C-alpha atoms as a PDB file:
ATOM      1  CA  MET A   1     122.127  93.706  29.278  1.00  0.00           C
ATOM      2  CA  THR A   2     118.683  91.980  29.614  1.00  0.00           C
ATOM      3  CA  ARG A   3     120.336  89.066  31.832  1.00  0.00           C
ATOM      4  CA  CYS A   4     121.450  91.881  34.286  1.00  0.00           C
ATOM      5  CA  LEU A   5     118.148  93.707  34.250  1.00  0.00           C
ATOM      6  CA  ARG A   6     116.552  90.378  35.280  1.00  0.00           C
ATOM      7  CA  LEU A   7     118.843  89.887  37.959  1.00  0.00           C
ATOM      8  CA  VAL A   8     118.214  93.604  39.446  1.00  0.00           C
ATOM      9  CA  ALA A   9     114.537  92.969  39.199  1.00  0.00           C
ATOM     10  CA  LEU A  10     114.882  89.805  41.039  1.00  0.00           C
ATOM     11  CA  VAL A  11     116.938  91.520  43.825  1.00  0.00           C
ATOM     12  CA  LEU A  12     114.304  94.159  43.986  1.00  0.00           C
ATOM     13  CA  VAL A  13     111.471  91.807  44.281  1.00  0.00           C
ATOM     14  CA  GLY A  14     113.102  89.673  46.875  1.00  0.00           C
ATOM     15  CA  CYS A  15     113.834  92.809  48.992  1.00  0.00           C
ATOM     16  CA  ALA A  16     110.168  94.174  48.499  1.00  0.00           C
ATOM     17  CA  LEU A  17     108.978  90.751  49.700  1.00  0.00           C
ATOM     18  CA  GLY A  18     111.236  90.667  52.798  1.00  0.00           C
ATOM     19  CA  MET A  19     110.104  94.119  53.791  1.00  0.00           C
ATOM     20  CA  THR A  20     106.601  93.105  54.013  1.00  0.00           C
ATOM     21  CA  HIS A  21     107.285  90.912  57.386  1.00  0.00           C
ATOM     22  CA  PRO A  22     107.157  92.958  60.561  1.00  0.00           C
ATOM     23  CA  LEU A  23     110.472  93.044  62.197  1.00  0.00           C
ATOM     24  CA  HIS A  24     109.066  92.343  65.939  1.00  0.00           C
ATOM     25  CA  ALA A  25     105.822  90.545  65.213  1.00  0.00           C
ATOM     26  CA  GLY A  26     104.255  89.002  68.292  1.00  0.00           C
ATOM     27  CA  THR A  27     106.948  90.649  70.565  1.00  0.00           C
ATOM     28  CA  GLN A  28     105.904  91.339  74.173  1.00  0.00           C
ATOM     29  CA  ASP A  29     108.913  93.551  75.051  1.00  0.00           C
ATOM     30  CA  PHE A  30     108.282  96.547  77.476  1.00  0.00           C
ATOM     31  CA  THR A  31     109.397  98.790  79.910  1.00  0.00           C
ATOM     32  CA  LEU A  32     107.854  98.560  83.215  1.00  0.00           C
ATOM     33  CA  VAL A  33     107.585 101.598  85.367  1.00  0.00           C
ATOM     34  CA  ASN A  34     107.254 101.455  89.211  1.00  0.00           C
ATOM     35  CA  GLN A  35     104.822 104.371  90.404  1.00  0.00           C
ATOM     36  CA  THR A  36     103.519 102.163  93.499  1.00  0.00           C
ATOM     37  CA  GLY A  37     105.047 104.494  95.974  1.00  0.00           C
ATOM     38  CA  VAL A  38     107.330 101.477  97.471  1.00  0.00           C
ATOM     39  CA  GLU A  39     110.434  99.609  96.511  1.00  0.00           C
ATOM     40  CA  ILE A  40     109.567  96.332  94.520  1.00  0.00           C
ATOM     41  CA  TYR A  41     111.738  93.702  95.801  1.00  0.00           C
ATOM     42  CA  ARG A  42     110.337  90.570  93.581  1.00  0.00           C
ATOM     43  CA  LEU A  43     108.826  90.746  90.227  1.00  0.00           C
ATOM     44  CA  PHE A  44     107.124  87.698  88.625  1.00  0.00           C
ATOM     45  CA  ILE A  45     105.416  87.649  85.146  1.00  0.00           C
ATOM     46  CA  SER A  46     103.436  84.656  84.191  1.00  0.00           C
ATOM     47  CA  GLU A  47     101.199  84.126  81.115  1.00  0.00           C
ATOM     48  CA  THR A  48      97.568  84.498  82.056  1.00  0.00           C
ATOM     49  CA  GLY A  49      95.921  80.973  82.751  1.00  0.00           C
ATOM     50  CA  ASN A  50      99.236  79.674  83.995  1.00  0.00           C
ATOM     51  CA  ASP A  51      98.911  78.719  87.778  1.00  0.00           C
ATOM     52  CA  ASN A  52     102.815  78.802  88.225  1.00  0.00           C
ATOM     53  CA  TRP A  53     104.730  81.904  88.664  1.00  0.00           C
ATOM     54  CA  GLU A  54     107.891  82.130  86.534  1.00  0.00           C
ATOM     55  CA  GLU A  55     111.275  82.835  88.402  1.00  0.00           C
ATOM     56  CA  ASP A  56     111.842  86.426  89.962  1.00  0.00           C
ATOM     57  CA  MET A  57     112.881  88.610  87.190  1.00  0.00           C
ATOM     58  CA  LEU A  58     114.704  91.256  89.593  1.00  0.00           C
ATOM     59  CA  GLY A  59     116.785  88.531  91.177  1.00  0.00           C
ATOM     60  CA  GLU A  60     118.930  90.133  93.852  1.00  0.00           C
ATOM     61  CA  ASN A  61     118.058  93.643  92.512  1.00  0.00           C
ATOM     62  CA  VAL A  62     115.255  96.011  93.686  1.00  0.00           C
ATOM     63  CA  LEU A  63     113.384  98.268  91.759  1.00  0.00           C
ATOM     64  CA  PRO A  64     112.968 101.604  93.277  1.00  0.00           C
ATOM     65  CA  ASP A  65     109.672 103.863  93.045  1.00  0.00           C
ATOM     66  CA  GLY A  66     110.091 105.835  89.952  1.00  0.00           C
ATOM     67  CA  ALA A  67     112.456 103.466  88.458  1.00  0.00           C
ATOM     68  CA  ARG A  68     112.231 101.701  84.938  1.00  0.00           C
ATOM     69  CA  LEU A  69     113.258  98.229  83.783  1.00  0.00           C
ATOM     70  CA  ASP A  70     113.396  97.051  80.183  1.00  0.00           C
ATOM     71  CA  ILE A  71     111.793  93.381  80.044  1.00  0.00           C
ATOM     72  CA  SER A  72     112.245  91.263  76.917  1.00  0.00           C
ATOM     73  CA  PHE A  73     110.542  88.026  76.252  1.00  0.00           C
ATOM     74  CA  SER A  74     111.454  85.267  73.578  1.00  0.00           C
ATOM     75  CA  GLY A  75     109.618  82.489  72.026  1.00  0.00           C
ATOM     76  CA  HIS A  76     106.330  83.628  73.656  1.00  0.00           C
ATOM     77  CA  SER A  77     103.287  84.525  71.410  1.00  0.00           C
ATOM     78  CA  ALA A  78     100.717  85.151  74.150  1.00  0.00           C
ATOM     79  CA  CYS A  79      99.440  88.724  74.659  1.00  0.00           C
ATOM     80  CA  LEU A  80      97.783  88.526  78.197  1.00  0.00           C
ATOM     81  CA  TRP A  81     100.186  88.482  81.010  1.00  0.00           C
ATOM     82  CA  ASP A  82      99.871  88.463  85.050  1.00  0.00           C
ATOM     83  CA  MET A  83     102.318  90.296  87.070  1.00  0.00           C
ATOM     84  CA  MET A  84     103.028  90.138  90.886  1.00  0.00           C
ATOM     85  CA  VAL A  85     105.331  92.191  92.842  1.00  0.00           C
ATOM     86  CA  THR A  86     106.326  91.977  96.535  1.00  0.00           C
ATOM     87  CA  ASP A  87     107.773  94.620  98.843  1.00  0.00           C
ATOM     88  CA  GLU A  88     110.443  94.538 101.656  1.00  0.00           C
ATOM     89  CA  ASP A  89     107.787  93.325 103.855  1.00  0.00           C
ATOM     90  CA  ASP A  90     106.926  90.476 101.596  1.00  0.00           C
ATOM     91  CA  THR A  91     103.250  92.259 100.808  1.00  0.00           C
ATOM     92  CA  SER A  92     102.080  91.225  97.380  1.00  0.00           C
ATOM     93  CA  VAL A  93     100.072  92.846  94.540  1.00  0.00           C
ATOM     94  CA  THR A  94      98.994  91.043  91.533  1.00  0.00           C
ATOM     95  CA  TRP A  95      97.864  92.388  88.292  1.00  0.00           C
ATOM     96  CA  GLN A  96      95.740  90.176  85.922  1.00  0.00           C
ATOM     97  CA  ALA A  97      95.700  90.164  82.162  1.00  0.00           C
ATOM     98  CA  ILE A  98      97.798  92.898  81.099  1.00  0.00           C
ATOM     99  CA  ASN A  99      97.790  93.049  77.345  1.00  0.00           C
ATOM    100  CA  LEU A 100     101.532  93.067  76.265  1.00  0.00           C
ATOM    101  CA  CYS A 101     101.145  93.116  72.552  1.00  0.00           C
ATOM    102  CA  GLY A 102     101.285  96.657  71.331  1.00  0.00           C
ATOM    103  CA  SER A 103     102.265  98.083  74.667  1.00  0.00           C
ATOM    104  CA  SER A 104     105.681  99.387  74.696  1.00  0.00           C
ATOM    105  CA  VAL A 105     105.196 100.798  78.660  1.00  0.00           C
ATOM    106  CA  VAL A 106     103.531  99.467  81.554  1.00  0.00           C
ATOM    107  CA  VAL A 107     103.240 101.699  84.587  1.00  0.00           C
ATOM    108  CA  LEU A 108     102.290 100.071  87.853  1.00  0.00           C
ATOM    109  CA  ARG A 109     100.510 102.574  90.113  1.00  0.00           C
ATOM    110  CA  CYS A 110      99.013 102.214  93.715  1.00  0.00           C
ATOM    111  CA  ASP A 111      97.087 104.812  95.937  1.00  0.00           C
ATOM    112  CA  ASP A 112      95.671 104.411  99.454  1.00  0.00           C
ATOM    113  CA  GLU A 113      92.878 102.101  98.013  1.00  0.00           C
ATOM    114  CA  GLU A 114      94.003 100.140  94.996  1.00  0.00           C
ATOM    115  CA  CYS A 115      96.486  99.294  92.620  1.00  0.00           C
ATOM    116  CA  TRP A 116      96.198  99.394  88.681  1.00  0.00           C
ATOM    117  CA  ALA A 117      98.423  99.032  85.504  1.00  0.00           C
ATOM    118  CA  ASP A 118      98.210 101.625  82.674  1.00  0.00           C
ATOM    119  CA  SER A 119      99.533 100.361  79.376  1.00  0.00           C
ATOM    120  CA  GLU A 120     101.120 102.844  76.732  1.00  0.00           C
END
């Protein structure tokens, strides 16, 4: 019986230690919401400080005004990211140093004078 209790205690301690690690530590996954007033034809996301934009996240797709897009990262630990979008006329807008750590939703907004990003 003592041997069995030790085994149960070891299993419980192992489970408790495993639960102390966050499941998604360092994740930058988020939902992007387009509230710019125009359709987004191209979307680029690059780590802040990187001079090269990564590939177009939309590919052949278009993100309509009011639409949402789930974006997942893997293998990245940086928190600050830049975004650039282009519309049908190839006019681009850039947002810099968006903190994706701890943000689950990023809303891109524009009015007649400026564009900004809200993080939730």
